[in-house]
């Protein structure tokens, strides 16, 4: 490594600031040194300054080219292609990738060819093609005994195999990739992060909450120990998304708070906005549309924000805007999540034939990909379509199926919504089960703190002649004015520290107020207190 030894030693210990200073010192003496430029770029990236990091590595590429170092220049061209792809700059990505191929064509068997094959796997639209590229990368890794390429290749291979419906085989590959990445074999932080990110995204998409939770916890701990700040923010956001679907909303709030606290300096790409998007998704589930809209403001061009934006506009009744966003999203190919959005939108528009066609497509994808979550979404959509058509028998059967599937997946909000829709259907038959079903749904919504859904359940119960609200042992009239104010902030999802900042009081005082509120209401959690506040309009 020569004169850059000191910088790389700091880098290997994840001492990013010291590494940056060391590389800058080298460049002050030898401007244009490619290895120092590359080291500086990587250090800046891990410090959260992505834009400057990419620019220094672009300069390193040019410097390696001037030295006729095709292997190093080719490796950096592959890296720059990946960053351009992440930013949606498809023409630039294609150009960098073509450059990488030309530079690496005659350099023999080198690790950079493995990184190139991994990038090809990421870019492949067809899962079978992605598998071919991933196996090529794995072959390079095994030939060179390179754990960095191996962990990335295993993750991409697992992803490609899962996309083809071979879930057990793919998950085993992902587990192996994580073992290589987190077990000490791989030393390159970018390779570790790449394998971790791929695995978390696939597990999250599979609705495998148990595996996703385990790996999320492991990755967050790993990233914290290694000071991988950009990875911390991104992985915490993925973790929070898992918790949101699992109904652990209080814990999700805490994880997102940490993700936003560790958020790196602004830069382009989905990694910057993902924590905000997940928080917006949580606010939508809580029925806090105005707050969700504020979080999503300015994110209309971010692919990762498509789902919550469409949901927000649909909930507001802005169906034409929701459709326009989805039609634009079609060009980016947002997959099965987009199908669910389309189905719900078609139903809201009253286009039952289109909604039924989406449900059929979801059924096919669920079977082909072994996705229980898609099967549950298909059943729920089929039931609601049948209900709108007046086919109550089919509607009840499909919605009952959806209830069971969502319960097995541990998706409480979706289960509650299916229960409420089923209660509405059986109420048309005069069944006494309607009240019981609506109450079960209401209780689930109140436990979660899903205010709009709780209101809908309460409205159905009142229509059926039953009480729309549950009783709480406490009495809100016993709360002081300050405690009522604190209760309102709890309902907004604020932590004790945030309540203290909002009310300009000491954190210990805020903690005392929160404890008094929970005690007076006779509830054991902030979520239950928030549900009470929602019911009482506080």
Protein backbone atom coordinates (compact mmCIF):
# COMPACT_ATOMS: atom_id res chain seq x y z
CA UNK A 1 0.00 0.00 0.00
CA UNK A 2 3.02 2.27 0.35
CA UNK A 3 2.47 5.80 1.57
CA UNK A 4 -1.22 5.12 2.19
CA UNK A 5 -0.55 2.48 4.85
CA UNK A 6 -1.48 4.69 7.80
CA UNK A 7 -4.78 5.69 6.21
CA UNK A 8 -5.77 2.11 5.46
CA UNK A 9 -4.88 1.01 8.97
CA UNK A 10 -7.30 3.58 10.38
CA UNK A 11 -9.84 2.53 7.76
CA UNK A 12 -9.58 -1.15 8.74
CA UNK A 13 -10.41 -0.17 12.34
CA UNK A 14 -13.43 1.86 11.15
CA UNK A 15 -11.75 5.05 12.36
CA UNK A 16 -13.25 7.05 9.54
CA UNK A 17 -12.23 10.53 10.66
CA UNK A 18 -8.63 9.50 11.28
CA UNK A 19 -8.54 7.71 7.93
CA UNK A 20 -9.88 10.81 6.20
CA UNK A 21 -7.24 12.99 7.85
CA UNK A 22 -4.47 10.57 6.91
CA UNK A 23 -5.50 10.40 3.26
CA UNK A 24 -5.91 14.18 3.07
CA UNK A 25 -2.40 14.52 4.48
CA UNK A 26 -1.04 12.31 1.71
CA UNK A 27 -2.87 14.30 -0.95
CA UNK A 28 -1.46 17.54 0.42
CA UNK A 29 2.00 16.18 -0.40
CA UNK A 30 1.12 14.17 -3.51
CA UNK A 31 -2.00 15.63 -5.16
CA UNK A 32 -3.72 13.17 -7.46
CA UNK A 33 -2.42 10.01 -5.79
CA UNK A 34 -5.13 7.50 -6.85
CA UNK A 35 -4.90 5.26 -3.79
CA UNK A 36 -5.20 8.21 -1.41
CA UNK A 37 -8.12 9.60 -3.42
CA UNK A 38 -9.84 6.23 -3.27
CA UNK A 39 -9.23 5.91 0.47
CA UNK A 40 -10.45 9.44 1.08
CA UNK A 41 -13.58 8.79 -0.97
CA UNK A 42 -14.41 5.64 0.96
CA UNK A 43 -13.76 7.36 4.30
CA UNK A 44 -16.02 10.27 3.40
CA UNK A 45 -18.77 7.86 2.30
CA UNK A 46 -18.70 6.09 5.67
CA UNK A 47 -18.73 9.45 7.44
CA UNK A 48 -22.03 10.13 5.69
CA UNK A 49 -20.81 12.55 3.01
CA UNK A 50 -21.84 10.40 0.08
CA UNK A 51 -21.62 13.08 -2.61
CA UNK A 52 -18.03 14.06 -1.77
CA UNK A 53 -17.09 10.39 -1.34
CA UNK A 54 -18.31 9.51 -4.83
CA UNK A 55 -16.54 12.51 -6.34
CA UNK A 56 -13.17 11.57 -4.77
CA UNK A 57 -13.51 8.01 -6.06
CA UNK A 58 -14.34 9.37 -9.53
CA UNK A 59 -11.09 11.34 -9.35
CA UNK A 60 -9.30 8.17 -8.26
CA UNK A 61 -10.69 6.38 -11.32
CA UNK A 62 -9.26 9.06 -13.62
CA UNK A 63 -5.89 8.92 -11.82
CA UNK A 64 -5.71 5.13 -12.17
CA UNK A 65 -6.50 5.52 -15.86
CA UNK A 66 -3.61 7.94 -16.26
CA UNK A 67 -1.35 5.32 -14.68
CA UNK A 68 -2.73 2.62 -17.01
CA UNK A 69 -3.92 0.59 -14.02
CA UNK A 70 -6.84 -1.13 -15.76
CA UNK A 71 -7.70 -3.41 -12.84
CA UNK A 72 -8.14 -0.61 -10.27
CA UNK A 73 -9.86 1.69 -12.77
CA UNK A 74 -12.21 -1.11 -13.79
CA UNK A 75 -13.14 -1.80 -10.18
CA UNK A 76 -13.95 1.85 -9.58
CA UNK A 77 -15.95 2.04 -12.82
CA UNK A 78 -18.12 -0.81 -11.50
CA UNK A 79 -18.57 1.04 -8.18
CA UNK A 80 -19.56 4.26 -9.98
CA UNK A 81 -22.03 2.32 -12.13
CA UNK A 82 -23.70 1.06 -8.97
CA UNK A 83 -23.96 4.51 -7.42
CA UNK A 84 -25.45 5.88 -10.65
CA UNK A 85 -27.98 3.02 -10.70
CA UNK A 86 -29.01 3.80 -7.12
CA UNK A 87 -29.58 7.42 -8.12
CA UNK A 88 -31.72 6.42 -11.10
CA UNK A 89 -29.13 7.72 -13.59
CA UNK A 90 -29.53 4.76 -15.92
CA UNK A 91 -27.59 6.15 -18.89
CA UNK A 92 -24.60 7.03 -16.72
CA UNK A 93 -24.79 3.62 -15.04
CA UNK A 94 -24.73 1.87 -18.41
CA UNK A 95 -21.76 3.95 -19.51
CA UNK A 96 -19.72 3.17 -16.40
CA UNK A 97 -20.57 -0.51 -16.69
CA UNK A 98 -19.45 -0.63 -20.33
CA UNK A 99 -16.22 1.06 -19.29
CA UNK A 100 -15.67 -1.49 -16.53
CA UNK A 101 -16.13 -4.39 -18.96
CA UNK A 102 -13.60 -2.97 -21.39
CA UNK A 103 -11.02 -2.29 -18.68
CA UNK A 104 -11.36 -5.71 -17.04
CA UNK A 105 -11.52 -7.72 -20.25
CA UNK A 106 -7.81 -8.62 -20.30
CA UNK A 107 -6.66 -8.44 -16.69
CA UNK A 108 -7.06 -12.14 -15.88
CA UNK A 109 -8.88 -13.58 -12.89
CA UNK A 110 -9.23 -10.74 -10.35
CA UNK A 111 -11.75 -9.86 -7.60
CA UNK A 112 -12.99 -6.89 -9.62
CA UNK A 113 -14.61 -9.34 -12.05
CA UNK A 114 -16.65 -10.67 -9.13
CA UNK A 115 -17.82 -7.16 -8.20
CA UNK A 116 -18.77 -6.62 -11.86
CA UNK A 117 -20.83 -9.81 -11.95
CA UNK A 118 -22.57 -8.78 -8.71
CA UNK A 119 -23.51 -5.46 -10.30
CA UNK A 120 -24.83 -7.32 -13.35
CA UNK A 121 -26.98 -9.46 -11.03
CA UNK A 122 -28.42 -6.35 -9.38
CA UNK A 123 -29.29 -4.79 -12.73
CA UNK A 124 -30.92 -7.88 -14.23
CA UNK A 125 -34.70 -7.55 -14.63
CA UNK A 126 -35.09 -11.29 -15.15
CA UNK A 127 -34.47 -13.45 -12.07
CA UNK A 128 -32.98 -16.29 -14.12
CA UNK A 129 -30.44 -13.89 -15.65
CA UNK A 130 -29.65 -12.51 -12.19
CA UNK A 131 -28.96 -16.06 -11.01
CA UNK A 132 -26.48 -16.62 -13.86
CA UNK A 133 -24.57 -13.45 -12.98
CA UNK A 134 -24.60 -14.25 -9.25
CA UNK A 135 -23.22 -17.74 -9.88
CA UNK A 136 -20.51 -16.21 -12.05
CA UNK A 137 -19.56 -13.92 -9.16
CA UNK A 138 -19.60 -16.86 -6.75
CA UNK A 139 -17.27 -18.76 -9.08
CA UNK A 140 -14.79 -15.87 -8.99
CA UNK A 141 -15.04 -15.75 -5.18
CA UNK A 142 -14.33 -19.45 -4.80
CA UNK A 143 -11.48 -19.43 -7.31
CA UNK A 144 -9.77 -16.54 -5.51
CA UNK A 145 -10.92 -17.45 -1.97
CA UNK A 146 -12.32 -13.91 -1.72
CA UNK A 147 -14.87 -13.58 1.14
CA UNK A 148 -15.90 -10.05 0.10
CA UNK A 149 -17.11 -11.17 -3.30
CA UNK A 150 -18.48 -14.38 -1.78
CA UNK A 151 -20.83 -12.72 0.70
CA UNK A 152 -22.21 -10.37 -1.97
CA UNK A 153 -22.55 -13.17 -4.52
CA UNK A 154 -24.35 -15.45 -2.05
CA UNK A 155 -26.78 -12.65 -1.20
CA UNK A 156 -27.51 -11.89 -4.86
CA UNK A 157 -27.87 -15.59 -5.63
CA UNK A 158 -30.30 -15.99 -2.74
CA UNK A 159 -32.29 -13.01 -3.96
CA UNK A 160 -32.46 -14.37 -7.53
CA UNK A 161 -33.49 -17.84 -6.37
CA UNK A 162 -36.23 -16.45 -4.09
CA UNK A 163 -37.56 -14.36 -6.98
CA UNK A 164 -38.04 -17.59 -8.91
CA UNK A 165 -40.09 -19.14 -6.11
CA UNK A 166 -37.39 -21.43 -4.67
CA UNK A 167 -37.75 -19.83 -1.28
CA UNK A 168 -36.13 -22.40 1.00
CA UNK A 169 -33.06 -22.65 -1.24
CA UNK A 170 -32.80 -18.88 -1.51
CA UNK A 171 -33.19 -18.24 2.21
CA UNK A 172 -30.43 -20.75 2.97
CA UNK A 173 -28.11 -18.84 0.63
CA UNK A 174 -29.02 -15.55 2.30
CA UNK A 175 -28.32 -16.99 5.74
CA UNK A 176 -24.91 -18.15 4.51
CA UNK A 177 -24.20 -14.70 3.04
CA UNK A 178 -24.94 -13.08 6.39
CA UNK A 179 -22.69 -15.55 8.18
CA UNK A 180 -19.79 -14.61 5.90
CA UNK A 181 -20.53 -10.89 6.20
CA UNK A 182 -20.99 -10.75 9.98
CA UNK A 183 -18.82 -13.64 11.09
CA UNK A 184 -15.46 -11.97 10.56
CA UNK A 185 -14.50 -13.48 7.20
CA UNK A 186 -15.19 -10.34 5.18
CA UNK A 187 -13.18 -7.20 5.99
CA UNK A 188 -14.49 -4.80 3.34
CA UNK A 189 -17.27 -2.72 4.92
CA UNK A 190 -18.91 -2.04 1.56
CA UNK A 191 -19.13 -5.76 0.78
CA UNK A 192 -20.53 -6.50 4.26
CA UNK A 193 -23.08 -3.73 3.92
CA UNK A 194 -24.08 -4.87 0.45
CA UNK A 195 -24.76 -8.44 1.61
CA UNK A 196 -26.65 -7.23 4.67
CA UNK A 197 -28.83 -4.82 2.73
CA UNK A 198 -29.73 -7.43 0.11
CA UNK A 199 -30.63 -10.01 2.74
CA UNK A 200 -32.78 -7.64 4.79
CA UNK A 201 -34.70 -6.46 1.74
CA UNK A 202 -35.44 -10.02 0.61
CA UNK A 203 -36.49 -11.21 4.09
CA UNK A 204 -38.65 -8.12 4.48
CA UNK A 205 -40.31 -8.76 1.12
CA UNK A 206 -40.95 -12.39 1.99
CA UNK A 207 -43.00 -11.39 5.04
CA UNK A 208 -40.66 -13.60 7.08
CA UNK A 209 -40.94 -11.43 10.19
CA UNK A 210 -39.04 -13.80 12.44
CA UNK A 211 -36.00 -14.12 10.19
CA UNK A 212 -36.09 -10.44 9.23
CA UNK A 213 -36.22 -9.43 12.91
CA UNK A 214 -33.29 -11.69 13.82
CA UNK A 215 -31.08 -10.44 10.98
CA UNK A 216 -32.15 -6.81 11.51
CA UNK A 217 -31.09 -6.97 15.15
CA UNK A 218 -27.79 -8.60 14.20
CA UNK A 219 -27.03 -6.07 11.46
CA UNK A 220 -27.96 -3.06 13.58
CA UNK A 221 -25.67 -4.32 16.36
CA UNK A 222 -22.88 -5.02 13.85
CA UNK A 223 -23.21 -1.61 12.20
CA UNK A 224 -23.21 0.13 15.59
CA UNK A 225 -20.05 -1.65 16.73
CA UNK A 226 -18.23 -0.94 13.45
CA UNK A 227 -19.44 2.68 13.24
CA UNK A 228 -21.09 2.03 9.87
CA UNK A 229 -23.22 5.18 10.14
CA UNK A 230 -24.93 5.12 6.70
CA UNK A 231 -25.71 1.43 7.13
CA UNK A 232 -27.09 2.06 10.63
CA UNK A 233 -29.71 4.48 9.33
CA UNK A 234 -30.77 2.29 6.42
CA UNK A 235 -30.92 -0.96 8.39
CA UNK A 236 -32.79 0.65 11.27
CA UNK A 237 -35.37 1.84 8.77
CA UNK A 238 -35.78 -1.69 7.40
CA UNK A 239 -36.02 -3.00 10.96
CA UNK A 240 -38.65 -0.40 11.82
CA UNK A 241 -40.66 -1.42 8.76
CA UNK A 242 -40.70 -5.01 10.03
CA UNK A 243 -41.87 -3.81 13.46
CA UNK A 244 -44.58 -1.64 11.89
CA UNK A 245 -46.08 -4.60 10.06
CA UNK A 246 -45.79 -6.75 13.19
CA UNK A 247 -47.80 -4.17 15.16
CA UNK A 248 -44.96 -3.24 17.54
CA UNK A 249 -45.41 0.44 16.83
CA UNK A 250 -43.90 1.80 20.02
CA UNK A 251 -40.67 -0.08 19.36
CA UNK A 252 -40.74 1.02 15.73
CA UNK A 253 -40.91 4.65 16.89
CA UNK A 254 -37.79 4.14 19.00
CA UNK A 255 -35.88 2.46 16.15
CA UNK A 256 -36.86 5.21 13.71
CA UNK A 257 -35.82 7.87 16.18
CA UNK A 258 -32.36 6.29 16.22
CA UNK A 259 -32.33 5.96 12.43
CA UNK A 260 -33.10 9.64 11.99
CA UNK A 261 -30.56 10.60 14.65
CA UNK A 262 -27.86 8.70 12.72
CA UNK A 263 -29.05 9.92 9.33
CA UNK A 264 -26.07 10.96 7.18
CA UNK A 265 -25.71 14.27 5.40
CA UNK A 266 -28.28 14.81 2.64
CA UNK A 267 -27.51 13.09 -0.63
CA UNK A 268 -29.39 11.53 -3.46
CA UNK A 269 -30.83 8.03 -3.34
CA UNK A 270 -33.39 6.06 -1.37
CA UNK A 271 -31.09 5.51 1.62
CA UNK A 272 -31.45 9.14 2.66
CA UNK A 273 -35.24 9.09 2.78
CA UNK A 274 -36.11 5.55 3.86
CA UNK A 275 -36.42 6.35 7.60
CA UNK A 276 -38.76 9.23 6.78
CA UNK A 277 -40.81 7.02 4.47
CA UNK A 278 -41.18 4.26 7.07
CA UNK A 279 -42.23 6.83 9.66
CA UNK A 280 -44.80 8.15 7.18
CA UNK A 281 -46.09 4.60 6.68
CA UNK A 282 -46.49 4.28 10.44
CA UNK A 283 -48.38 7.59 10.62
CA UNK A 284 -50.71 6.40 7.86
CA UNK A 285 -51.47 3.24 9.82
CA UNK A 286 -52.10 5.35 12.89
CA UNK A 287 -54.54 7.48 10.88
CA UNK A 288 -52.42 10.62 11.25
CA UNK A 289 -52.67 11.68 7.62
CA UNK A 290 -51.56 15.28 8.05
CA UNK A 291 -48.31 14.23 9.71
CA UNK A 292 -47.71 11.58 7.05
CA UNK A 293 -48.19 14.20 4.37
CA UNK A 294 -45.62 16.45 6.03
CA UNK A 295 -43.07 13.67 6.17
CA UNK A 296 -43.59 12.82 2.51
CA UNK A 297 -43.44 16.39 1.28
CA UNK A 298 -40.84 16.75 -1.47
CA UNK A 299 -40.38 12.99 -1.89
CA UNK A 300 -42.62 12.55 -4.93
CA UNK A 301 -39.70 11.54 -7.14
CA UNK A 302 -38.32 8.94 -4.72
CA UNK A 303 -39.32 5.38 -5.75
CA UNK A 304 -39.18 4.22 -2.13
CA UNK A 305 -41.91 6.74 -1.23
CA UNK A 306 -44.38 5.52 -3.87
CA UNK A 307 -46.47 3.24 -1.63
CA UNK A 308 -47.15 5.70 1.21
CA UNK A 309 -47.80 8.54 -1.24
CA UNK A 310 -50.37 6.49 -3.15
CA UNK A 311 -51.99 5.37 0.11
CA UNK A 312 -52.08 8.94 1.42
CA UNK A 313 -53.82 10.27 -1.69
CA UNK A 314 -56.26 7.36 -1.74
CA UNK A 315 -57.17 7.94 1.91
CA UNK A 316 -57.73 11.62 1.16
CA UNK A 317 -60.00 10.73 -1.76
CA UNK A 318 -57.51 12.12 -4.28
CA UNK A 319 -57.89 9.09 -6.54
CA UNK A 320 -56.73 10.71 -9.79
CA UNK A 321 -53.46 11.77 -8.16
CA UNK A 322 -52.97 8.31 -6.66
CA UNK A 323 -53.50 6.77 -10.11
CA UNK A 324 -51.05 9.16 -11.76
CA UNK A 325 -48.36 8.22 -9.25
CA UNK A 326 -48.97 4.51 -9.78
CA UNK A 327 -48.91 4.82 -13.56
CA UNK A 328 -45.58 6.61 -13.35
CA UNK A 329 -44.36 3.96 -10.90
CA UNK A 330 -45.18 1.26 -13.46
CA UNK A 331 -42.17 2.40 -15.45
CA UNK A 332 -39.91 1.63 -12.49
CA UNK A 333 -41.45 -1.81 -11.95
CA UNK A 334 -42.34 -1.77 -8.24
CA UNK A 335 -43.55 -5.39 -8.26
CA UNK A 336 -46.11 -7.03 -6.03
CA UNK A 337 -46.37 -4.12 -3.60
CA UNK A 338 -47.56 -2.06 -6.56
CA UNK A 339 -50.14 -4.73 -7.38
CA UNK A 340 -51.63 -4.42 -3.89
CA UNK A 341 -51.76 -0.65 -4.31
CA UNK A 342 -53.46 -1.04 -7.69
CA UNK A 343 -56.05 -3.41 -6.28
CA UNK A 344 -56.99 -1.09 -3.44
CA UNK A 345 -57.13 1.90 -5.77
CA UNK A 346 -59.35 0.12 -8.32
CA UNK A 347 -61.69 -0.85 -5.51
CA UNK A 348 -61.82 2.75 -4.27
CA UNK A 349 -62.59 3.90 -7.83
CA UNK A 350 -65.40 1.35 -8.11
CA UNK A 351 -63.73 -0.55 -10.95
CA UNK A 352 -64.56 -4.03 -9.66
CA UNK A 353 -63.45 -5.88 -12.79
CA UNK A 354 -60.00 -4.32 -12.60
CA UNK A 355 -59.76 -5.04 -8.86
CA UNK A 356 -60.74 -8.68 -9.47
CA UNK A 357 -58.06 -8.97 -12.17
CA UNK A 358 -55.46 -7.66 -9.74
CA UNK A 359 -56.61 -10.19 -7.12
CA UNK A 360 -56.17 -12.99 -9.66
CA UNK A 361 -52.66 -11.80 -10.49
CA UNK A 362 -51.82 -11.67 -6.77
CA UNK A 363 -53.05 -15.28 -6.43
CA UNK A 364 -50.78 -16.37 -9.26
CA UNK A 365 -47.76 -14.56 -7.84
CA UNK A 366 -48.46 -15.94 -4.37
CA UNK A 367 -48.43 -19.49 -5.71
CA UNK A 368 -45.41 -19.00 -7.97
CA UNK A 369 -43.32 -17.24 -5.32
CA UNK A 370 -44.59 -19.09 -2.23
CA UNK A 371 -45.68 -15.77 -0.71
CA UNK A 372 -48.26 -16.17 2.06
CA UNK A 373 -48.63 -12.40 2.39
CA UNK A 374 -49.66 -12.07 -1.26
CA UNK A 375 -52.18 -14.90 -0.81
CA UNK A 376 -53.66 -13.03 2.15
CA UNK A 377 -53.85 -9.78 0.19
CA UNK A 378 -55.50 -11.63 -2.70
CA UNK A 379 -58.13 -13.18 -0.41
CA UNK A 380 -58.89 -9.81 1.22
CA UNK A 381 -59.27 -8.11 -2.14
CA UNK A 382 -61.42 -10.93 -3.53
CA UNK A 383 -63.66 -10.73 -0.48
CA UNK A 384 -64.14 -7.00 -0.74
CA UNK A 385 -64.86 -7.21 -4.48
CA UNK A 386 -67.43 -9.96 -3.88
CA UNK A 387 -69.01 -7.87 -1.14
CA UNK A 388 -69.37 -4.88 -3.48
CA UNK A 389 -71.01 -7.17 -6.04
CA UNK A 390 -73.51 -8.42 -3.48
CA UNK A 391 -72.10 -11.96 -3.36
CA UNK A 392 -72.10 -12.22 0.40
CA UNK A 393 -71.32 -15.94 0.60
CA UNK A 394 -68.13 -15.59 -1.45
CA UNK A 395 -67.22 -12.38 0.35
CA UNK A 396 -67.54 -14.00 3.77
CA UNK A 397 -65.52 -17.05 2.69
CA UNK A 398 -62.67 -15.01 1.20
CA UNK A 399 -62.51 -12.52 4.07
CA UNK A 400 -62.50 -15.34 6.61
CA UNK A 401 -59.59 -16.84 4.68
CA UNK A 402 -57.79 -13.48 4.79
CA UNK A 403 -58.33 -13.17 8.55
CA UNK A 404 -56.69 -16.53 9.16
CA UNK A 405 -53.77 -15.84 6.83
CA UNK A 406 -53.03 -12.39 8.24
CA UNK A 407 -53.24 -13.80 11.77
CA UNK A 408 -50.73 -16.52 10.87
CA UNK A 409 -48.41 -13.88 9.41
CA UNK A 410 -48.80 -11.75 12.57
CA UNK A 411 -50.01 -8.72 10.61
CA UNK A 412 -52.44 -7.27 13.18
CA UNK A 413 -53.63 -4.20 11.28
CA UNK A 414 -54.39 -6.19 8.13
CA UNK A 415 -56.06 -8.87 10.24
CA UNK A 416 -58.21 -6.26 11.96
CA UNK A 417 -59.25 -4.71 8.65
CA UNK A 418 -60.21 -8.10 7.27
CA UNK A 419 -62.20 -8.82 10.45
CA UNK A 420 -64.03 -5.51 10.15
CA UNK A 421 -64.87 -6.12 6.48
CA UNK A 422 -66.11 -9.61 7.38
CA UNK A 423 -68.26 -8.18 10.18
CA UNK A 424 -69.84 -5.79 7.69
CA UNK A 425 -70.67 -8.67 5.37
CA UNK A 426 -72.21 -10.98 7.98
CA UNK A 427 -74.16 -8.05 9.43
CA UNK A 428 -76.12 -8.07 6.18
CA UNK A 429 -77.35 -11.54 7.10
CA UNK A 430 -78.35 -10.37 10.56
CA UNK A 431 -75.75 -12.67 12.10
CA UNK A 432 -74.94 -12.11 15.79
CA UNK A 433 -71.32 -12.75 14.85
CA UNK A 434 -71.20 -9.28 13.27
CA UNK A 435 -71.00 -7.49 16.63
CA UNK A 436 -68.38 -9.89 17.96
CA UNK A 437 -66.27 -9.49 14.81
CA UNK A 438 -66.53 -5.70 14.84
CA UNK A 439 -65.59 -5.60 18.53
CA UNK A 440 -62.57 -7.83 17.93
CA UNK A 441 -61.46 -5.53 15.11
CA UNK A 442 -62.04 -2.41 17.21
CA UNK A 443 -60.03 -3.84 20.09
CA UNK A 444 -57.14 -4.65 17.75
CA UNK A 445 -57.18 -1.14 16.31
CA UNK A 446 -57.29 0.45 19.76
CA UNK A 447 -54.40 -1.65 21.01
CA UNK A 448 -52.39 -0.60 18.00
CA UNK A 449 -53.41 3.06 18.12
CA UNK A 450 -54.94 3.01 14.61
CA UNK A 451 -57.39 5.85 15.11
CA UNK A 452 -59.17 5.98 11.73
CA UNK A 453 -59.68 2.22 11.69
CA UNK A 454 -60.92 2.31 15.29
CA UNK A 455 -63.42 5.02 14.29
CA UNK A 456 -64.69 2.86 11.41
CA UNK A 457 -65.13 -0.13 13.71
CA UNK A 458 -66.93 2.01 16.30
CA UNK A 459 -69.25 3.37 13.60
CA UNK A 460 -70.22 -0.15 12.49
CA UNK A 461 -70.84 -1.16 16.11
CA UNK A 462 -73.13 1.82 16.61
CA UNK A 463 -75.01 0.93 13.44
CA UNK A 464 -75.49 -2.55 14.91
CA UNK A 465 -76.87 -1.08 18.13
CA UNK A 466 -73.78 -1.78 20.24
CA UNK A 467 -71.42 0.52 22.09
CA UNK A 468 -68.74 1.89 19.83
CA UNK A 469 -66.13 2.49 22.50
CA UNK A 470 -64.34 0.46 25.12
CA UNK A 471 -64.09 1.49 28.75
CA UNK A 472 -60.83 2.39 30.43
CA UNK A 473 -60.40 2.04 34.18
CA UNK A 474 -59.10 5.58 34.50
CA UNK A 475 -61.10 8.76 34.23
CA UNK A 476 -59.84 11.54 32.01
CA UNK A 477 -61.46 14.11 34.32
CA UNK A 478 -58.87 13.20 36.97
CA UNK A 479 -56.06 14.35 34.66
CA UNK A 480 -54.64 17.79 35.23
CA UNK A 481 -54.42 20.24 32.34
CA UNK A 482 -50.71 19.49 31.99
CA UNK A 483 -51.33 15.72 32.08
CA UNK A 484 -53.97 16.04 29.36
CA UNK A 485 -51.43 17.96 27.31
CA UNK A 486 -48.87 15.20 27.88
CA UNK A 487 -51.46 12.58 26.90
CA UNK A 488 -52.02 14.38 23.62
CA UNK A 489 -48.28 14.31 22.91
CA UNK A 490 -48.13 10.61 23.77
CA UNK A 491 -50.88 10.09 21.18
CA UNK A 492 -48.71 11.91 18.64
CA UNK A 493 -46.03 9.29 19.24
CA UNK A 494 -43.51 11.55 20.98
CA UNK A 495 -40.86 10.08 23.27
CA UNK A 496 -40.25 11.42 26.79
CA UNK A 497 -37.32 13.44 25.49
CA UNK A 498 -39.42 14.93 22.69
CA UNK A 499 -42.24 15.74 25.12
CA UNK A 500 -39.71 17.52 27.32
CA UNK A 501 -38.47 19.55 24.35
CA UNK A 502 -42.02 20.41 23.23
CA UNK A 503 -43.11 21.54 26.71
CA UNK A 504 -39.73 23.08 27.63
CA UNK A 505 -39.42 20.97 30.78
CA UNK A 506 -36.74 18.65 32.13
CA UNK A 507 -36.71 15.07 30.74
CA UNK A 508 -37.20 13.71 34.27
CA UNK A 509 -40.29 15.89 34.68
CA UNK A 510 -41.67 14.60 31.38
CA UNK A 511 -41.02 11.03 32.52
CA UNK A 512 -42.89 11.75 35.77
CA UNK A 513 -45.88 13.20 33.89
CA UNK A 514 -46.05 10.21 31.56
CA UNK A 515 -45.96 7.80 34.49
CA UNK A 516 -48.78 9.69 36.22
CA UNK A 517 -50.90 9.63 33.05
CA UNK A 518 -50.50 5.87 32.60
CA UNK A 519 -51.28 5.27 36.27
CA UNK A 520 -54.41 7.44 36.27
CA UNK A 521 -55.73 5.80 33.12
CA UNK A 522 -54.97 2.35 34.48
CA UNK A 523 -53.08 1.28 31.35
CA UNK A 524 -49.72 -0.42 31.04
CA UNK A 525 -48.30 1.08 27.86
CA UNK A 526 -48.02 4.28 25.87
CA UNK A 527 -49.86 2.57 23.01
CA UNK A 528 -52.89 1.93 25.22
CA UNK A 529 -52.79 5.52 26.46
CA UNK A 530 -52.62 6.74 22.86
CA UNK A 531 -55.62 4.60 21.95
CA UNK A 532 -57.55 6.13 24.86
CA UNK A 533 -56.61 9.62 23.71
CA UNK A 534 -57.82 8.80 20.20
CA UNK A 535 -61.18 7.55 21.47
CA UNK A 536 -61.67 10.58 23.69
CA UNK A 537 -60.58 13.09 21.09
CA UNK A 538 -57.64 14.35 23.15
